[in-house]
């Protein structure tokens, strides 16, 4: 931390001013994050949020306040060195992915005295905001018709803080009240940096080819084969008509009597016909 860090007591109020002015026609909420991690990787906690209230966006109230955003330092916030990140989230072209515009700046603050409360919510940038996150991709003009249409920004709610009277509030979400009745005020001149996040997505088409396996079964039909064996001679020791004259393992007569033939019946039997 540098020696020029702002020294802030709990229950004080910080005024962040956009030195180059805010543009009209950029409706949207405001949010403040803080981190006690002063080196990478830095994770953040949401300490203040102001959205759409009483028919106006935070952006409208900042314009009416001379391009300034006032937000309190929680009275129970632990002492120590912090990085603060302040954002104006512009939704005027946020009806499509990557249409949201973020105007942000960071500055160092040393909180002195005070309480001992601090919870690191683990918010990461990049990471929390996605091209189609609810609250970042939205048709903002519908919110005027139905304020409940706006879901708020991504991530957890602002850390609960307690003012000097012991009353809890949501870290300034909503009206932004909190702190002592006579808070000290520090004004931080903020140079606005516009960050447009562009995400290129490569569309991948997956084609599934279904392969049908066809099994062709071949049935071989064998035509009956008739083998005719003509045996000459026809002696008395030859087989009579309709008798057996051969076959596998046959040891009897293998000739036929005169006028008959030995015909194949099957591999085990030859018949006289």
C-alpha atoms as a PDB file:
ATOM      1  CA  UNK A   1       0.000   0.000   0.000  1.00  0.00           C
ATOM      2  CA  UNK A   2       1.251   3.457  -0.816  1.00  0.00           C
ATOM      3  CA  UNK A   3       1.637   6.270   1.708  1.00  0.00           C
ATOM      4  CA  UNK A   4      -1.133   8.193  -0.096  1.00  0.00           C
ATOM      5  CA  UNK A   5      -3.904   5.732   0.855  1.00  0.00           C
ATOM      6  CA  UNK A   6      -7.043   7.378   2.160  1.00  0.00           C
ATOM      7  CA  UNK A   7      -7.543   6.871   5.874  1.00  0.00           C
ATOM      8  CA  UNK A   8     -11.188   6.196   6.643  1.00  0.00           C
ATOM      9  CA  UNK A   9     -12.925   5.555   9.914  1.00  0.00           C
ATOM     10  CA  UNK A  10     -15.885   3.195  10.114  1.00  0.00           C
ATOM     11  CA  UNK A  11     -19.288   4.852   9.682  1.00  0.00           C
ATOM     12  CA  UNK A  12     -17.706   7.398   7.373  1.00  0.00           C
ATOM     13  CA  UNK A  13     -19.094   8.070   3.917  1.00  0.00           C
ATOM     14  CA  UNK A  14     -17.102   7.897   0.701  1.00  0.00           C
ATOM     15  CA  UNK A  15     -18.076  10.004  -2.282  1.00  0.00           C
ATOM     16  CA  UNK A  16     -16.826   8.692  -5.613  1.00  0.00           C
ATOM     17  CA  UNK A  17     -17.022  11.214  -8.429  1.00  0.00           C
ATOM     18  CA  UNK A  18     -16.666  10.510 -12.134  1.00  0.00           C
ATOM     19  CA  UNK A  19     -14.246  13.241 -13.189  1.00  0.00           C
ATOM     20  CA  UNK A  20     -15.193  13.076 -16.874  1.00  0.00           C
ATOM     21  CA  UNK A  21     -18.914  12.965 -16.155  1.00  0.00           C
ATOM     22  CA  UNK A  22     -21.543  10.299 -16.674  1.00  0.00           C
ATOM     23  CA  UNK A  23     -23.402   9.916 -19.931  1.00  0.00           C
ATOM     24  CA  UNK A  24     -27.157  10.219 -20.008  1.00  0.00           C
ATOM     25  CA  UNK A  25     -29.153   7.339 -21.392  1.00  0.00           C
ATOM     26  CA  UNK A  26     -27.020   4.732 -19.619  1.00  0.00           C
ATOM     27  CA  UNK A  27     -29.457   3.354 -17.012  1.00  0.00           C
ATOM     28  CA  UNK A  28     -28.291   0.749 -14.569  1.00  0.00           C
ATOM     29  CA  UNK A  29     -27.245  -0.124 -11.019  1.00  0.00           C
ATOM     30  CA  UNK A  30     -24.132   0.704  -9.013  1.00  0.00           C
ATOM     31  CA  UNK A  31     -22.082  -1.708  -6.961  1.00  0.00           C
ATOM     32  CA  UNK A  32     -19.002  -1.518  -4.738  1.00  0.00           C
ATOM     33  CA  UNK A  33     -16.683  -4.423  -3.962  1.00  0.00           C
ATOM     34  CA  UNK A  34     -13.809  -4.515  -1.469  1.00  0.00           C
ATOM     35  CA  UNK A  35     -10.897  -6.867  -0.941  1.00  0.00           C
ATOM     36  CA  UNK A  36      -8.295  -7.303   1.782  1.00  0.00           C
ATOM     37  CA  UNK A  37      -6.149  -9.317  -0.609  1.00  0.00           C
ATOM     38  CA  UNK A  38      -3.649  -6.898  -2.038  1.00  0.00           C
ATOM     39  CA  UNK A  39      -1.956  -9.283  -4.461  1.00  0.00           C
ATOM     40  CA  UNK A  40      -3.135 -11.777  -7.045  1.00  0.00           C
ATOM     41  CA  UNK A  41      -5.347 -13.734  -6.954  1.00  0.00           C
ATOM     42  CA  UNK A  42      -7.699 -11.112  -5.574  1.00  0.00           C
ATOM     43  CA  UNK A  43     -11.155 -12.122  -4.383  1.00  0.00           C
ATOM     44  CA  UNK A  44     -13.859  -9.657  -3.487  1.00  0.00           C
ATOM     45  CA  UNK A  45     -16.786  -9.011  -1.175  1.00  0.00           C
ATOM     46  CA  UNK A  46     -19.825  -6.963  -2.187  1.00  0.00           C
ATOM     47  CA  UNK A  47     -20.151  -4.118   0.325  1.00  0.00           C
ATOM     48  CA  UNK A  48     -22.666  -1.845  -1.384  1.00  0.00           C
ATOM     49  CA  UNK A  49     -25.362  -2.150  -4.034  1.00  0.00           C
ATOM     50  CA  UNK A  50     -27.881   0.318  -5.368  1.00  0.00           C
ATOM     51  CA  UNK A  51     -30.282  -0.707  -8.117  1.00  0.00           C
ATOM     52  CA  UNK A  52     -33.725   0.490  -9.193  1.00  0.00           C
ATOM     53  CA  UNK A  53     -35.697   2.301  -6.483  1.00  0.00           C
ATOM     54  CA  UNK A  54     -38.629   4.701  -6.544  1.00  0.00           C
ATOM     55  CA  UNK A  55     -38.706   4.790 -10.329  1.00  0.00           C
ATOM     56  CA  UNK A  56     -35.014   5.616 -10.762  1.00  0.00           C
ATOM     57  CA  UNK A  57     -31.807   3.734 -11.379  1.00  0.00           C
ATOM     58  CA  UNK A  58     -28.650   4.426  -9.409  1.00  0.00           C
ATOM     59  CA  UNK A  59     -27.323   6.041 -12.590  1.00  0.00           C
ATOM     60  CA  UNK A  60     -30.158   8.597 -12.495  1.00  0.00           C
ATOM     61  CA  UNK A  61     -29.399   9.488  -8.886  1.00  0.00           C
ATOM     62  CA  UNK A  62     -25.684   9.881  -9.620  1.00  0.00           C
ATOM     63  CA  UNK A  63     -26.454  12.277 -12.474  1.00  0.00           C
ATOM     64  CA  UNK A  64     -28.666  14.332 -10.165  1.00  0.00           C
ATOM     65  CA  UNK A  65     -25.873  14.283  -7.559  1.00  0.00           C
ATOM     66  CA  UNK A  66     -23.258  15.831  -9.819  1.00  0.00           C
ATOM     67  CA  UNK A  67     -21.823  12.558 -11.144  1.00  0.00           C
ATOM     68  CA  UNK A  68     -21.238  11.324  -7.591  1.00  0.00           C
ATOM     69  CA  UNK A  69     -22.017   8.136  -5.704  1.00  0.00           C
ATOM     70  CA  UNK A  70     -22.136   8.258  -1.928  1.00  0.00           C
ATOM     71  CA  UNK A  71     -21.747   5.017  -0.018  1.00  0.00           C
ATOM     72  CA  UNK A  72     -20.982   4.251   3.648  1.00  0.00           C
ATOM     73  CA  UNK A  73     -18.135   2.383   5.285  1.00  0.00           C
ATOM     74  CA  UNK A  74     -19.748  -0.182   7.613  1.00  0.00           C
ATOM     75  CA  UNK A  75     -19.247   0.641  11.260  1.00  0.00           C
ATOM     76  CA  UNK A  76     -18.327  -2.961  12.064  1.00  0.00           C
ATOM     77  CA  UNK A  77     -15.884  -3.337   9.155  1.00  0.00           C
ATOM     78  CA  UNK A  78     -12.546  -4.693  10.323  1.00  0.00           C
ATOM     79  CA  UNK A  79      -9.601  -2.325  10.328  1.00  0.00           C
ATOM     80  CA  UNK A  80      -6.963  -2.802   7.669  1.00  0.00           C
ATOM     81  CA  UNK A  81      -5.942  -2.045   4.111  1.00  0.00           C
ATOM     82  CA  UNK A  82      -8.499  -2.598   1.352  1.00  0.00           C
ATOM     83  CA  UNK A  83      -8.841  -2.271  -2.383  1.00  0.00           C
ATOM     84  CA  UNK A  84     -12.225  -0.868  -3.372  1.00  0.00           C
ATOM     85  CA  UNK A  85     -13.734  -1.489  -6.802  1.00  0.00           C
ATOM     86  CA  UNK A  86     -16.651   0.752  -7.775  1.00  0.00           C
ATOM     87  CA  UNK A  87     -18.819   0.067 -10.827  1.00  0.00           C
ATOM     88  CA  UNK A  88     -21.584   1.691 -12.787  1.00  0.00           C
ATOM     89  CA  UNK A  89     -23.288  -1.090 -14.779  1.00  0.00           C
ATOM     90  CA  UNK A  90     -24.885   0.383 -17.918  1.00  0.00           C
ATOM     91  CA  UNK A  91     -27.768  -1.638 -19.381  1.00  0.00           C
ATOM     92  CA  UNK A  92     -28.853   0.516 -22.334  1.00  0.00           C
ATOM     93  CA  UNK A  93     -27.770  -2.127 -24.900  1.00  0.00           C
ATOM     94  CA  UNK A  94     -27.859  -5.141 -22.588  1.00  0.00           C
ATOM     95  CA  UNK A  95     -30.716  -6.956 -24.295  1.00  0.00           C
ATOM     96  CA  UNK A  96     -28.181  -9.160 -26.077  1.00  0.00           C
ATOM     97  CA  UNK A  97     -25.131 -11.126 -24.875  1.00  0.00           C
ATOM     98  CA  UNK A  98     -22.083  -8.948 -24.130  1.00  0.00           C
ATOM     99  CA  UNK A  99     -24.201  -5.811 -24.475  1.00  0.00           C
ATOM    100  CA  UNK A 100     -23.665  -4.645 -20.894  1.00  0.00           C
ATOM    101  CA  UNK A 101     -21.100  -1.895 -20.339  1.00  0.00           C
ATOM    102  CA  UNK A 102     -19.064  -1.597 -17.137  1.00  0.00           C
ATOM    103  CA  UNK A 103     -17.653   1.740 -15.993  1.00  0.00           C
ATOM    104  CA  UNK A 104     -15.306   1.040 -13.107  1.00  0.00           C
ATOM    105  CA  UNK A 105     -12.380   2.246 -11.077  1.00  0.00           C
ATOM    106  CA  UNK A 106     -10.324   0.954  -8.147  1.00  0.00           C
ATOM    107  CA  UNK A 107      -8.695   2.800  -5.263  1.00  0.00           C
ATOM    108  CA  UNK A 108      -6.976   1.999  -1.958  1.00  0.00           C
ATOM    109  CA  UNK A 109      -8.445   2.705   1.451  1.00  0.00           C
ATOM    110  CA  UNK A 110      -7.105   2.073   4.950  1.00  0.00           C
ATOM    111  CA  UNK A 111      -9.864   1.543   7.488  1.00  0.00           C
ATOM    112  CA  UNK A 112      -8.766   2.623  10.953  1.00  0.00           C
ATOM    113  CA  UNK A 113     -10.262   1.577  14.278  1.00  0.00           C
ATOM    114  CA  UNK A 114     -13.743   0.158  14.003  1.00  0.00           C
ATOM    115  CA  UNK A 115     -14.914  -3.385  14.320  1.00  0.00           C
ATOM    116  CA  UNK A 116     -13.554  -6.795  13.487  1.00  0.00           C
ATOM    117  CA  UNK A 117     -16.081  -8.049  10.923  1.00  0.00           C
ATOM    118  CA  UNK A 118     -14.935  -9.165   7.504  1.00  0.00           C
ATOM    119  CA  UNK A 119     -16.012 -12.050   5.306  1.00  0.00           C
ATOM    120  CA  UNK A 120     -14.335 -12.787   2.010  1.00  0.00           C
ATOM    121  CA  UNK A 121     -17.159 -13.797  -0.350  1.00  0.00           C
ATOM    122  CA  UNK A 122     -14.670 -15.192  -2.860  1.00  0.00           C
ATOM    123  CA  UNK A 123     -15.988 -13.169  -5.817  1.00  0.00           C
ATOM    124  CA  UNK A 124     -13.577 -13.353  -8.754  1.00  0.00           C
ATOM    125  CA  UNK A 125     -13.073 -11.087 -11.770  1.00  0.00           C
ATOM    126  CA  UNK A 126     -13.159 -12.329 -14.412  1.00  0.00           C
ATOM    127  CA  UNK A 127     -15.582 -15.057 -13.443  1.00  0.00           C
ATOM    128  CA  UNK A 128     -18.636 -13.572 -11.744  1.00  0.00           C
ATOM    129  CA  UNK A 129     -20.001 -11.790 -14.804  1.00  0.00           C
ATOM    130  CA  UNK A 130     -20.983 -13.905 -17.799  1.00  0.00           C
ATOM    131  CA  UNK A 131     -22.401 -12.726 -21.166  1.00  0.00           C
ATOM    132  CA  UNK A 132     -25.931 -13.900 -20.346  1.00  0.00           C
ATOM    133  CA  UNK A 133     -25.934 -13.538 -16.542  1.00  0.00           C
ATOM    134  CA  UNK A 134     -29.295 -12.441 -15.075  1.00  0.00           C
ATOM    135  CA  UNK A 135     -29.090  -8.746 -14.336  1.00  0.00           C
ATOM    136  CA  UNK A 136     -26.445  -8.212 -17.023  1.00  0.00           C
ATOM    137  CA  UNK A 137     -28.477  -9.342 -20.034  1.00  0.00           C
ATOM    138  CA  UNK A 138     -31.907  -7.757 -19.698  1.00  0.00           C
ATOM    139  CA  UNK A 139     -34.430  -5.522 -21.458  1.00  0.00           C
ATOM    140  CA  UNK A 140     -33.984  -2.686 -18.999  1.00  0.00           C
ATOM    141  CA  UNK A 141     -37.039  -0.672 -20.121  1.00  0.00           C
ATOM    142  CA  UNK A 142     -39.352  -3.354 -18.720  1.00  0.00           C
ATOM    143  CA  UNK A 143     -38.165  -2.584 -15.207  1.00  0.00           C
ATOM    144  CA  UNK A 144     -40.086   0.713 -15.208  1.00  0.00           C
ATOM    145  CA  UNK A 145     -43.282  -1.269 -15.848  1.00  0.00           C
ATOM    146  CA  UNK A 146     -42.482  -3.899 -13.220  1.00  0.00           C
ATOM    147  CA  UNK A 147     -39.558  -3.205 -10.855  1.00  0.00           C
ATOM    148  CA  UNK A 148     -39.524  -6.848  -9.766  1.00  0.00           C
ATOM    149  CA  UNK A 149     -38.496  -7.746 -13.333  1.00  0.00           C
ATOM    150  CA  UNK A 150     -34.914  -6.760 -12.497  1.00  0.00           C
ATOM    151  CA  UNK A 151     -33.199  -9.564 -10.508  1.00  0.00           C
ATOM    152  CA  UNK A 152     -30.209  -7.516  -9.383  1.00  0.00           C
ATOM    153  CA  UNK A 153     -26.580  -8.206 -10.179  1.00  0.00           C
ATOM    154  CA  UNK A 154     -25.001 -11.671 -10.062  1.00  0.00           C
ATOM    155  CA  UNK A 155     -23.344 -12.896  -6.907  1.00  0.00           C
ATOM    156  CA  UNK A 156     -24.182 -12.782  -3.204  1.00  0.00           C
ATOM    157  CA  UNK A 157     -25.962  -9.929  -1.480  1.00  0.00           C
ATOM    158  CA  UNK A 158     -23.901  -7.144   0.029  1.00  0.00           C
ATOM    159  CA  UNK A 159     -22.362  -8.089   3.362  1.00  0.00           C
ATOM    160  CA  UNK A 160     -24.544  -7.261   6.337  1.00  0.00           C
ATOM    161  CA  UNK A 161     -23.301  -4.243   8.235  1.00  0.00           C
ATOM    162  CA  UNK A 162     -24.404  -2.616  11.455  1.00  0.00           C
ATOM    163  CA  UNK A 163     -24.699   1.104  12.008  1.00  0.00           C
ATOM    164  CA  UNK A 164     -23.779   2.791  15.278  1.00  0.00           C
ATOM    165  CA  UNK A 165     -27.262   2.295  16.690  1.00  0.00           C
ATOM    166  CA  UNK A 166     -26.938  -1.461  16.164  1.00  0.00           C
ATOM    167  CA  UNK A 167     -29.438  -1.614  13.314  1.00  0.00           C
ATOM    168  CA  UNK A 168     -28.511  -4.032  10.518  1.00  0.00           C
ATOM    169  CA  UNK A 169     -28.780  -3.053   6.886  1.00  0.00           C
ATOM    170  CA  UNK A 170     -27.805  -4.659   3.605  1.00  0.00           C
ATOM    171  CA  UNK A 171     -24.595  -2.778   3.041  1.00  0.00           C
ATOM    172  CA  UNK A 172     -26.364   0.069   1.295  1.00  0.00           C
ATOM    173  CA  UNK A 173     -28.438  -2.015  -1.119  1.00  0.00           C
ATOM    174  CA  UNK A 174     -31.564  -0.067  -1.899  1.00  0.00           C
ATOM    175  CA  UNK A 175     -31.570   3.477  -0.603  1.00  0.00           C
ATOM    176  CA  UNK A 176     -27.972   3.367   0.538  1.00  0.00           C
ATOM    177  CA  UNK A 177     -28.610   4.552   4.070  1.00  0.00           C
ATOM    178  CA  UNK A 178     -26.296   3.600   6.922  1.00  0.00           C
ATOM    179  CA  UNK A 179     -23.517   4.941   9.078  1.00  0.00           C
ATOM    180  CA  UNK A 180     -23.643   7.600  11.754  1.00  0.00           C
ATOM    181  CA  UNK A 181     -26.014  10.539  11.738  1.00  0.00           C
ATOM    182  CA  UNK A 182     -23.109  12.907  11.055  1.00  0.00           C
ATOM    183  CA  UNK A 183     -20.662  10.942   8.935  1.00  0.00           C
ATOM    184  CA  UNK A 184     -17.389  12.357   7.757  1.00  0.00           C
ATOM    185  CA  UNK A 185     -17.079  12.512   3.980  1.00  0.00           C
ATOM    186  CA  UNK A 186     -14.115  11.732   1.751  1.00  0.00           C
ATOM    187  CA  UNK A 187     -14.354  12.458  -1.948  1.00  0.00           C
ATOM    188  CA  UNK A 188     -12.476  10.248  -4.351  1.00  0.00           C
ATOM    189  CA  UNK A 189     -12.023  11.542  -7.868  1.00  0.00           C
ATOM    190  CA  UNK A 190     -12.644   8.585 -10.131  1.00  0.00           C
ATOM    191  CA  UNK A 191     -11.487   8.293 -13.702  1.00  0.00           C
ATOM    192  CA  UNK A 192     -13.961   6.160 -15.571  1.00  0.00           C
ATOM    193  CA  UNK A 193     -12.703   3.242 -17.589  1.00  0.00           C
ATOM    194  CA  UNK A 194     -15.132   1.667 -19.981  1.00  0.00           C
ATOM    195  CA  UNK A 195     -14.733  -2.018 -20.312  1.00  0.00           C
ATOM    196  CA  UNK A 196     -16.615  -3.897 -22.980  1.00  0.00           C
ATOM    197  CA  UNK A 197     -16.324  -7.621 -22.617  1.00  0.00           C
ATOM    198  CA  UNK A 198     -16.485  -9.580 -25.827  1.00  0.00           C
ATOM    199  CA  UNK A 199     -16.789 -13.304 -25.754  1.00  0.00           C
ATOM    200  CA  UNK A 200     -16.405 -15.256 -28.961  1.00  0.00           C
ATOM    201  CA  UNK A 201     -18.132 -18.580 -28.905  1.00  0.00           C
ATOM    202  CA  UNK A 202     -17.338 -21.233 -31.450  1.00  0.00           C
ATOM    203  CA  UNK A 203     -20.484 -23.094 -32.306  1.00  0.00           C
ATOM    204  CA  UNK A 204     -19.835 -26.791 -32.380  1.00  0.00           C
ATOM    205  CA  UNK A 205     -22.202 -29.075 -34.228  1.00  0.00           C
ATOM    206  CA  UNK A 206     -22.054 -32.684 -33.236  1.00  0.00           C
ATOM    207  CA  UNK A 207     -23.337 -35.136 -35.779  1.00  0.00           C
ATOM    208  CA  UNK A 208     -24.079 -38.593 -34.540  1.00  0.00           C
ATOM    209  CA  UNK A 209     -23.837 -41.246 -37.175  1.00  0.00           C
ATOM    210  CA  UNK A 210     -25.823 -44.301 -36.289  1.00  0.00           C
ATOM    211  CA  UNK A 211     -24.522 -47.445 -37.884  1.00  0.00           C
ATOM    212  CA  UNK A 212     -26.960 -50.280 -38.421  1.00  0.00           C
ATOM    213  CA  UNK A 213     -25.316 -53.652 -38.708  1.00  0.00           C
ATOM    214  CA  UNK A 214     -27.131 -56.010 -40.995  1.00  0.00           C
ATOM    215  CA  UNK A 215     -26.348 -59.676 -40.645  1.00  0.00           C
ATOM    216  CA  UNK A 216     -27.010 -61.668 -43.743  1.00  0.00           C
ATOM    217  CA  UNK A 217     -27.508 -65.287 -43.007  1.00  0.00           C
ATOM    218  CA  UNK A 218     -26.954 -67.628 -45.890  1.00  0.00           C
ATOM    219  CA  UNK A 219     -28.850 -70.884 -45.860  1.00  0.00           C
ATOM    220  CA  UNK A 220     -27.532 -73.496 -48.173  1.00  0.00           C
ATOM    221  CA  UNK A 221     -30.124 -75.962 -49.339  1.00  0.00           C
ATOM    222  CA  UNK A 222     -28.656 -79.058 -50.728  1.00  0.00           C
ATOM    223  CA  UNK A 223     -30.648 -80.849 -53.325  1.00  0.00           C
ATOM    224  CA  UNK A 224     -30.997 -84.533 -52.617  1.00  0.00           C
ATOM    225  CA  UNK A 225     -28.452 -86.469 -54.548  1.00  0.00           C
ATOM    226  CA  UNK A 226     -29.396 -89.838 -55.872  1.00  0.00           C
ATOM    227  CA  UNK A 227     -26.567 -92.140 -56.688  1.00  0.00           C
ATOM    228  CA  UNK A 228     -27.429 -95.136 -58.762  1.00  0.00           C
ATOM    229  CA  UNK A 229     -24.996 -97.991 -58.821  1.00  0.00           C
ATOM    230  CA  UNK A 230     -25.600-100.638 -61.385  1.00  0.00           C
ATOM    231  CA  UNK A 231     -24.180-103.936 -60.278  1.00  0.00           C
ATOM    232  CA  UNK A 232     -23.799-106.617 -62.895  1.00  0.00           C
ATOM    233  CA  UNK A 233     -23.918-110.201 -62.263  1.00  0.00           C
ATOM    234  CA  UNK A 234     -27.037-110.580 -60.190  1.00  0.00           C
ATOM    235  CA  UNK A 235     -25.981-113.860 -58.535  1.00  0.00           C
ATOM    236  CA  UNK A 236     -27.935-115.653 -55.856  1.00  0.00           C
ATOM    237  CA  UNK A 237     -25.696-114.160 -53.152  1.00  0.00           C
ATOM    238  CA  UNK A 238     -26.690-110.638 -54.161  1.00  0.00           C
ATOM    239  CA  UNK A 239     -29.252-108.641 -52.255  1.00  0.00           C
ATOM    240  CA  UNK A 240     -32.899-109.094 -53.163  1.00  0.00           C
ATOM    241  CA  UNK A 241     -35.116-106.203 -54.282  1.00  0.00           C
ATOM    242  CA  UNK A 242     -35.688-103.665 -51.495  1.00  0.00           C
ATOM    243  CA  UNK A 243     -32.849-105.135 -49.500  1.00  0.00           C
ATOM    244  CA  UNK A 244     -29.677-103.377 -48.366  1.00  0.00           C
ATOM    245  CA  UNK A 245     -26.756-103.424 -50.690  1.00  0.00           C
ATOM    246  CA  UNK A 246     -24.286-101.059 -49.062  1.00  0.00           C
ATOM    247  CA  UNK A 247     -23.689 -98.113 -46.706  1.00  0.00           C
ATOM    248  CA  UNK A 248     -21.260 -96.942 -44.030  1.00  0.00           C
ATOM    249  CA  UNK A 249     -20.100 -99.937 -42.016  1.00  0.00           C
ATOM    250  CA  UNK A 250     -22.116-102.399 -44.214  1.00  0.00           C
ATOM    251  CA  UNK A 251     -20.460-105.798 -44.535  1.00  0.00           C
ATOM    252  CA  UNK A 252     -23.204-107.658 -46.352  1.00  0.00           C
ATOM    253  CA  UNK A 253     -23.874-108.142 -50.057  1.00  0.00           C
ATOM    254  CA  UNK A 254     -22.964-105.264 -52.275  1.00  0.00           C
ATOM    255  CA  UNK A 255     -24.599-106.518 -55.454  1.00  0.00           C
ATOM    256  CA  UNK A 256     -28.224-106.855 -56.516  1.00  0.00           C
ATOM    257  CA  UNK A 257     -30.108-109.716 -58.058  1.00  0.00           C
ATOM    258  CA  UNK A 258     -30.742-109.530 -61.763  1.00  0.00           C
ATOM    259  CA  UNK A 259     -33.175-106.788 -62.805  1.00  0.00           C
ATOM    260  CA  UNK A 260     -32.460-104.530 -59.743  1.00  0.00           C
ATOM    261  CA  UNK A 261     -30.036-101.724 -59.046  1.00  0.00           C
ATOM    262  CA  UNK A 262     -28.285-100.580 -55.842  1.00  0.00           C
ATOM    263  CA  UNK A 263     -29.441 -97.000 -55.160  1.00  0.00           C
ATOM    264  CA  UNK A 264     -28.044 -94.433 -52.621  1.00  0.00           C
ATOM    265  CA  UNK A 265     -30.501 -93.730 -49.840  1.00  0.00           C
ATOM    266  CA  UNK A 266     -28.174 -92.020 -47.326  1.00  0.00           C
ATOM    267  CA  UNK A 267     -24.603 -92.296 -46.212  1.00  0.00           C
ATOM    268  CA  UNK A 268     -25.509 -95.170 -43.971  1.00  0.00           C
ATOM    269  CA  UNK A 269     -27.817 -97.111 -46.275  1.00  0.00           C
ATOM    270  CA  UNK A 270     -27.930 -98.110 -49.937  1.00  0.00           C
ATOM    271  CA  UNK A 271     -31.126 -99.859 -51.035  1.00  0.00           C
ATOM    272  CA  UNK A 272     -31.973-102.321 -53.781  1.00  0.00           C
ATOM    273  CA  UNK A 273     -34.683-101.049 -56.104  1.00  0.00           C
END
